[in-house]
C-alpha atoms as a PDB file:
ATOM      1  CA  MET A   1       0.009  -0.032  -0.091  1.00  0.00           C
ATOM      2  CA  ALA A   2       1.423   3.609  -0.948  1.00  0.00           C
ATOM      3  CA  VAL A   3       0.711   6.626   0.662  1.00  0.00           C
ATOM      4  CA  ASN A   4      -1.766   8.791  -0.824  1.00  0.00           C
ATOM      5  CA  LEU A   5      -2.717  12.418   0.314  1.00  0.00           C
ATOM      6  CA  ASN A   6      -5.929  12.581   1.995  1.00  0.00           C
ATOM      7  CA  LYS A   7      -6.140   8.996   2.393  1.00  0.00           C
ATOM      8  CA  ARG A   8      -5.581   6.678   5.682  1.00  0.00           C
ATOM      9  CA  ILE A   9      -1.853   6.459   6.270  1.00  0.00           C
ATOM     10  CA  PRO A  10      -0.971   2.382   6.038  1.00  0.00           C
ATOM     11  CA  GLU A  11      -1.172   0.018   8.931  1.00  0.00           C
ATOM     12  CA  PHE A  12       1.971  -0.251  10.648  1.00  0.00           C
ATOM     13  CA  GLU A  13       3.224  -1.004  14.308  1.00  0.00           C
ATOM     14  CA  ALA A  14       6.841  -0.143  15.923  1.00  0.00           C
ATOM     15  CA  ILE A  15       8.484   0.497  19.359  1.00  0.00           C
ATOM     16  CA  GLY A  16       9.846   3.944  20.186  1.00  0.00           C
ATOM     17  CA  THR A  17      12.797   4.403  22.406  1.00  0.00           C
ATOM     18  CA  ASN A  18      10.988   4.729  25.316  1.00  0.00           C
ATOM     19  CA  GLY A  19       9.564   1.176  24.516  1.00  0.00           C
ATOM     20  CA  VAL A  20       6.226   3.152  23.624  1.00  0.00           C
ATOM     21  CA  GLU A  21       4.303   1.103  21.326  1.00  0.00           C
ATOM     22  CA  LEU A  22       3.298   2.964  17.859  1.00  0.00           C
ATOM     23  CA  SER A  23       1.213   2.327  15.369  1.00  0.00           C
ATOM     24  CA  ASN A  24      -1.143   3.629  12.513  1.00  0.00           C
ATOM     25  CA  ILE A  25      -3.860   4.326  15.277  1.00  0.00           C
ATOM     26  CA  SER A  26      -1.946   4.914  18.269  1.00  0.00           C
ATOM     27  CA  HIS A  27      -2.267   8.624  17.754  1.00  0.00           C
ATOM     28  CA  LEU A  28      -5.658   9.268  16.400  1.00  0.00           C
ATOM     29  CA  GLY A  29      -6.918  12.213  17.634  1.00  0.00           C
ATOM     30  CA  LYS A  30      -3.324  13.773  17.274  1.00  0.00           C
ATOM     31  CA  ILE A  31      -1.572  15.785  14.503  1.00  0.00           C
ATOM     32  CA  VAL A  32       1.566  13.444  13.664  1.00  0.00           C
ATOM     33  CA  VAL A  33       4.621  14.488  12.050  1.00  0.00           C
ATOM     34  CA  LEU A  34       6.458  11.590  10.696  1.00  0.00           C
ATOM     35  CA  TYR A  35       9.860  12.120   9.516  1.00  0.00           C
ATOM     36  CA  PHE A  36      12.216   9.256   8.010  1.00  0.00           C
ATOM     37  CA  TYR A  37      15.926  10.145   7.848  1.00  0.00           C
ATOM     38  CA  PRO A  38      19.173   8.155   6.185  1.00  0.00           C
ATOM     39  CA  LYS A  39      21.193   7.330   9.451  1.00  0.00           C
ATOM     40  CA  ASP A  40      22.010   8.483  13.043  1.00  0.00           C
ATOM     41  CA  ASN A  41      25.027  10.669  13.704  1.00  0.00           C
ATOM     42  CA  THR A  42      25.260  11.732  10.224  1.00  0.00           C
ATOM     43  CA  PRO A  43      25.746  15.632   9.874  1.00  0.00           C
ATOM     44  CA  GLY A  44      22.436  16.541   7.888  1.00  0.00           C
ATOM     45  CA  CYS A  45      20.453  13.740   9.910  1.00  0.00           C
ATOM     46  CA  THR A  46      21.849  15.539  13.212  1.00  0.00           C
ATOM     47  CA  THR A  47      20.893  18.891  11.956  1.00  0.00           C
ATOM     48  CA  GLU A  48      17.410  17.874  11.247  1.00  0.00           C
ATOM     49  CA  ALA A  49      16.928  16.092  14.592  1.00  0.00           C
ATOM     50  CA  MET A  50      18.379  19.263  16.271  1.00  0.00           C
ATOM     51  CA  GLU A  51      15.965  21.381  14.545  1.00  0.00           C
ATOM     52  CA  PHE A  52      12.997  19.146  15.546  1.00  0.00           C
ATOM     53  CA  ARG A  53      14.123  19.223  18.918  1.00  0.00           C
ATOM     54  CA  ASP A  54      14.537  23.332  18.952  1.00  0.00           C
ATOM     55  CA  LYS A  55      11.013  23.601  17.511  1.00  0.00           C
ATOM     56  CA  TYR A  56       9.501  20.787  19.730  1.00  0.00           C
ATOM     57  CA  LYS A  57       7.634  22.948  22.210  1.00  0.00           C
ATOM     58  CA  ASP A  58       6.234  24.824  19.345  1.00  0.00           C
ATOM     59  CA  PHE A  59       4.668  21.284  17.855  1.00  0.00           C
ATOM     60  CA  ALA A  60       3.775  20.562  21.532  1.00  0.00           C
ATOM     61  CA  LYS A  61       1.806  23.746  21.655  1.00  0.00           C
ATOM     62  CA  THR A  62      -0.223  22.542  18.727  1.00  0.00           C
ATOM     63  CA  GLY A  63      -0.763  19.289  20.168  1.00  0.00           C
ATOM     64  CA  ALA A  64       1.257  17.478  17.738  1.00  0.00           C
ATOM     65  CA  THR A  65       3.425  14.287  17.778  1.00  0.00           C
ATOM     66  CA  VAL A  66       6.800  14.368  16.410  1.00  0.00           C
ATOM     67  CA  LEU A  67       8.461  10.994  15.643  1.00  0.00           C
ATOM     68  CA  GLY A  68      11.425   9.893  13.953  1.00  0.00           C
ATOM     69  CA  VAL A  69      12.292   6.820  11.951  1.00  0.00           C
ATOM     70  CA  SER A  70      15.504   5.364  10.365  1.00  0.00           C
ATOM     71  CA  ARG A  71      16.986   1.782   9.519  1.00  0.00           C
ATOM     72  CA  ASP A  72      19.375   2.339  12.597  1.00  0.00           C
ATOM     73  CA  ASN A  73      18.832  -0.261  15.609  1.00  0.00           C
ATOM     74  CA  MET A  74      17.359   0.737  19.011  1.00  0.00           C
ATOM     75  CA  LYS A  75      20.725   0.974  20.601  1.00  0.00           C
ATOM     76  CA  SER A  76      21.781   3.338  17.963  1.00  0.00           C
ATOM     77  CA  HIS A  77      18.730   5.544  18.398  1.00  0.00           C
ATOM     78  CA  ILE A  78      18.846   5.427  22.028  1.00  0.00           C
ATOM     79  CA  GLU A  79      22.072   6.809  22.182  1.00  0.00           C
ATOM     80  CA  PHE A  80      21.889   9.359  19.253  1.00  0.00           C
ATOM     81  CA  ARG A  81      18.526  10.606  21.248  1.00  0.00           C
ATOM     82  CA  ALA A  82      20.446  10.771  24.634  1.00  0.00           C
ATOM     83  CA  LYS A  83      23.427  12.798  23.005  1.00  0.00           C
ATOM     84  CA  LEU A  84      21.172  15.213  21.314  1.00  0.00           C
ATOM     85  CA  GLU A  85      18.396  15.410  24.127  1.00  0.00           C
ATOM     86  CA  LEU A  86      15.926  14.721  21.888  1.00  0.00           C
ATOM     87  CA  PRO A  87      12.437  15.085  23.614  1.00  0.00           C
ATOM     88  CA  PHE A  88      10.511  12.816  20.868  1.00  0.00           C
ATOM     89  CA  GLU A  89      10.594   8.970  20.145  1.00  0.00           C
ATOM     90  CA  LEU A  90      12.794   7.843  17.561  1.00  0.00           C
ATOM     91  CA  ILE A  91      11.799   4.341  15.642  1.00  0.00           C
ATOM     92  CA  ALA A  92      14.179   1.694  15.093  1.00  0.00           C
ATOM     93  CA  ASP A  93      12.810   0.538  11.322  1.00  0.00           C
ATOM     94  CA  THR A  94      15.724  -2.229  10.918  1.00  0.00           C
ATOM     95  CA  GLU A  95      13.701  -4.446   8.908  1.00  0.00           C
ATOM     96  CA  GLU A  96      12.551  -1.393   6.354  1.00  0.00           C
ATOM     97  CA  LYS A  97       8.989  -1.952   6.866  1.00  0.00           C
ATOM     98  CA  MET A  98       7.885   1.262   7.369  1.00  0.00           C
ATOM     99  CA  CYS A  99      10.125   2.756   5.163  1.00  0.00           C
ATOM    100  CA  HIS A 100       8.486   0.464   2.196  1.00  0.00           C
ATOM    101  CA  LEU A 101       4.983   1.301   3.210  1.00  0.00           C
ATOM    102  CA  PHE A 102       6.156   5.109   2.908  1.00  0.00           C
ATOM    103  CA  GLY A 103       8.227   4.616  -0.049  1.00  0.00           C
ATOM    104  CA  VAL A 104      11.153   6.226   1.058  1.00  0.00           C
ATOM    105  CA  VAL A 105      13.626   3.476   0.156  1.00  0.00           C
ATOM    106  CA  LYS A 106      15.379   4.697  -2.724  1.00  0.00           C
ATOM    107  CA  ASN A 107      18.442   3.548  -4.806  1.00  0.00           C
ATOM    108  CA  LYS A 108      21.112   6.033  -4.572  1.00  0.00           C
ATOM    109  CA  ILE A 109      24.940   6.210  -6.095  1.00  0.00           C
ATOM    110  CA  MET A 110      27.488   6.606  -3.349  1.00  0.00           C
ATOM    111  CA  TYR A 111      31.465   6.850  -4.326  1.00  0.00           C
ATOM    112  CA  GLY A 112      30.158   5.311  -7.796  1.00  0.00           C
ATOM    113  CA  LYS A 113      28.367   2.176  -6.494  1.00  0.00           C
ATOM    114  CA  LYS A 114      24.391   1.831  -6.466  1.00  0.00           C
ATOM    115  CA  VAL A 115      23.080   1.125  -2.742  1.00  0.00           C
ATOM    116  CA  LYS A 116      19.742   1.512  -1.221  1.00  0.00           C
ATOM    117  CA  GLY A 117      19.061   4.477   1.065  1.00  0.00           C
ATOM    118  CA  ILE A 118      16.782   6.159   2.845  1.00  0.00           C
ATOM    119  CA  GLU A 119      15.057   9.703   0.747  1.00  0.00           C
ATOM    120  CA  ARG A 120      14.884  12.134   3.681  1.00  0.00           C
ATOM    121  CA  SER A 121      11.060  12.622   3.709  1.00  0.00           C
ATOM    122  CA  THR A 122       8.145  13.809   6.058  1.00  0.00           C
ATOM    123  CA  PHE A 123       4.657  12.955   6.518  1.00  0.00           C
ATOM    124  CA  LEU A 124       2.214  15.170   8.512  1.00  0.00           C
ATOM    125  CA  ILE A 125      -0.886  12.831   9.535  1.00  0.00           C
ATOM    126  CA  GLY A 126      -3.819  14.701  10.570  1.00  0.00           C
ATOM    127  CA  SER A 127      -5.882  13.577  13.711  1.00  0.00           C
ATOM    128  CA  ASP A 128      -8.132  11.722  11.584  1.00  0.00           C
ATOM    129  CA  GLY A 129      -5.448   9.498  10.408  1.00  0.00           C
ATOM    130  CA  LEU A 130      -5.344  10.834   7.096  1.00  0.00           C
ATOM    131  CA  LEU A 131      -2.200  11.984   5.248  1.00  0.00           C
ATOM    132  CA  ALA A 132      -2.483  16.097   5.179  1.00  0.00           C
ATOM    133  CA  ALA A 133       0.939  16.866   3.511  1.00  0.00           C
ATOM    134  CA  GLU A 134       4.194  15.132   2.379  1.00  0.00           C
ATOM    135  CA  TRP A 135       7.598  16.510   1.753  1.00  0.00           C
ATOM    136  CA  ARG A 136      10.131  14.299  -0.236  1.00  0.00           C
ATOM    137  CA  GLY A 137      13.837  14.489  -1.000  1.00  0.00           C
ATOM    138  CA  LEU A 138      13.951  17.565   0.971  1.00  0.00           C
ATOM    139  CA  LYS A 139      16.644  19.481   2.076  1.00  0.00           C
ATOM    140  CA  VAL A 140      16.921  20.236   5.812  1.00  0.00           C
ATOM    141  CA  PRO A 141      17.474  24.033   5.626  1.00  0.00           C
ATOM    142  CA  GLY A 142      14.206  25.464   6.659  1.00  0.00           C
ATOM    143  CA  HIS A 143      12.240  22.488   6.655  1.00  0.00           C
ATOM    144  CA  VAL A 144      11.181  22.108  10.292  1.00  0.00           C
ATOM    145  CA  ASP A 145       9.742  25.779   9.979  1.00  0.00           C
ATOM    146  CA  GLU A 146       7.693  24.956   6.742  1.00  0.00           C
ATOM    147  CA  VAL A 147       6.336  21.750   8.677  1.00  0.00           C
ATOM    148  CA  LEU A 148       5.225  23.786  11.756  1.00  0.00           C
ATOM    149  CA  LYS A 149       3.406  25.891   9.424  1.00  0.00           C
ATOM    150  CA  ALA A 150       1.855  23.319   8.041  1.00  0.00           C
ATOM    151  CA  VAL A 151       1.135  21.758  11.285  1.00  0.00           C
ATOM    152  CA  LYS A 152      -0.486  25.150  12.746  1.00  0.00           C
ATOM    153  CA  ALA A 153      -2.679  25.455   9.381  1.00  0.00           C
ATOM    154  CA  LEU A 154      -3.994  21.594   9.921  1.00  0.00           C
ATOM    155  CA  LYS A 155      -4.850  22.560  13.416  1.00  0.00           C
ATOM    156  CA  LYS A 156      -6.814  25.672  12.711  1.00  0.00           C
ATOM    157  CA  THR A 157      -8.410  23.798   9.795  1.00  0.00           C
ATOM    158  CA  GLU A 158      -9.392  20.941  12.134  1.00  0.00           C
ATOM    159  CA  LYS A 159     -10.543  23.275  14.387  1.00  0.00           C
ATOM    160  CA  ALA A 160     -12.574  24.809  12.151  1.00  0.00           C
ATOM    161  CA  ALA A 161     -14.523  21.772  10.959  1.00  0.00           C
ATOM    162  CA  ALA A 162     -15.112  20.403  14.452  1.00  0.00           C
ATOM    163  CA  LYS A 163     -16.843  23.978  15.059  1.00  0.00           C
ATOM    164  CA  VAL A 164     -18.964  23.521  11.922  1.00  0.00           C
ATOM    165  CA  ALA A 165     -19.744  19.867  12.940  1.00  0.00           C
ATOM    166  CA  ALA A 166     -20.627  20.730  16.152  1.00  0.00           C
ATOM    167  CA  GLU A 167     -22.905  23.566  15.298  1.00  0.00           C
ATOM    168  CA  THR A 168     -24.487  21.186  12.386  1.00  0.00           C
ATOM    169  CA  LEU A 169     -25.084  18.567  15.002  1.00  0.00           C
ATOM    170  CA  GLU A 170     -26.536  20.835  17.343  1.00  0.00           C
ATOM    171  CA  ALA A 171     -29.005  22.309  14.733  1.00  0.00           C
ATOM    172  CA  VAL A 172     -30.204  18.858  13.974  1.00  0.00           C
ATOM    173  CA  GLU A 173     -30.699  18.157  17.418  1.00  0.00           C
ATOM    174  CA  GLU A 174     -32.897  21.398  17.639  1.00  0.00           C
END
């Protein structure tokens, strides 16, 4: 199953760095920022994680949950998270199940050789479990600010839709 805008995200189950069980339904009712990155402790991935960390309080104010995913093992994630003091969970997708579900596994050329790698990507999932936005093959500078802006816009849209639904229900009950 591929991910598509305005469609439910695929079913998955995973464990976060604090032993937290995560799935496609574990965060229903909350906005989720799910970001995939190539590798712990590399320059671009470290910068991206630190930018999400530095803006974490802003994401939390909107009620959004931030989750990072890579193919690194849990030991690597725990060390990376502690080193950078990341306030959010990291998911160890060593078997690439989530990476394939979200279509982020790509062939790359490194040092003249074809290798399978992770395309840096972020997915914004609405509180209804639908994919609201996606960024693929992105560059780190400015990305987290762009995602935060999209989260705030989505929150505003969801709040307005909830208000209209409540008013409609009230009118029907009268």
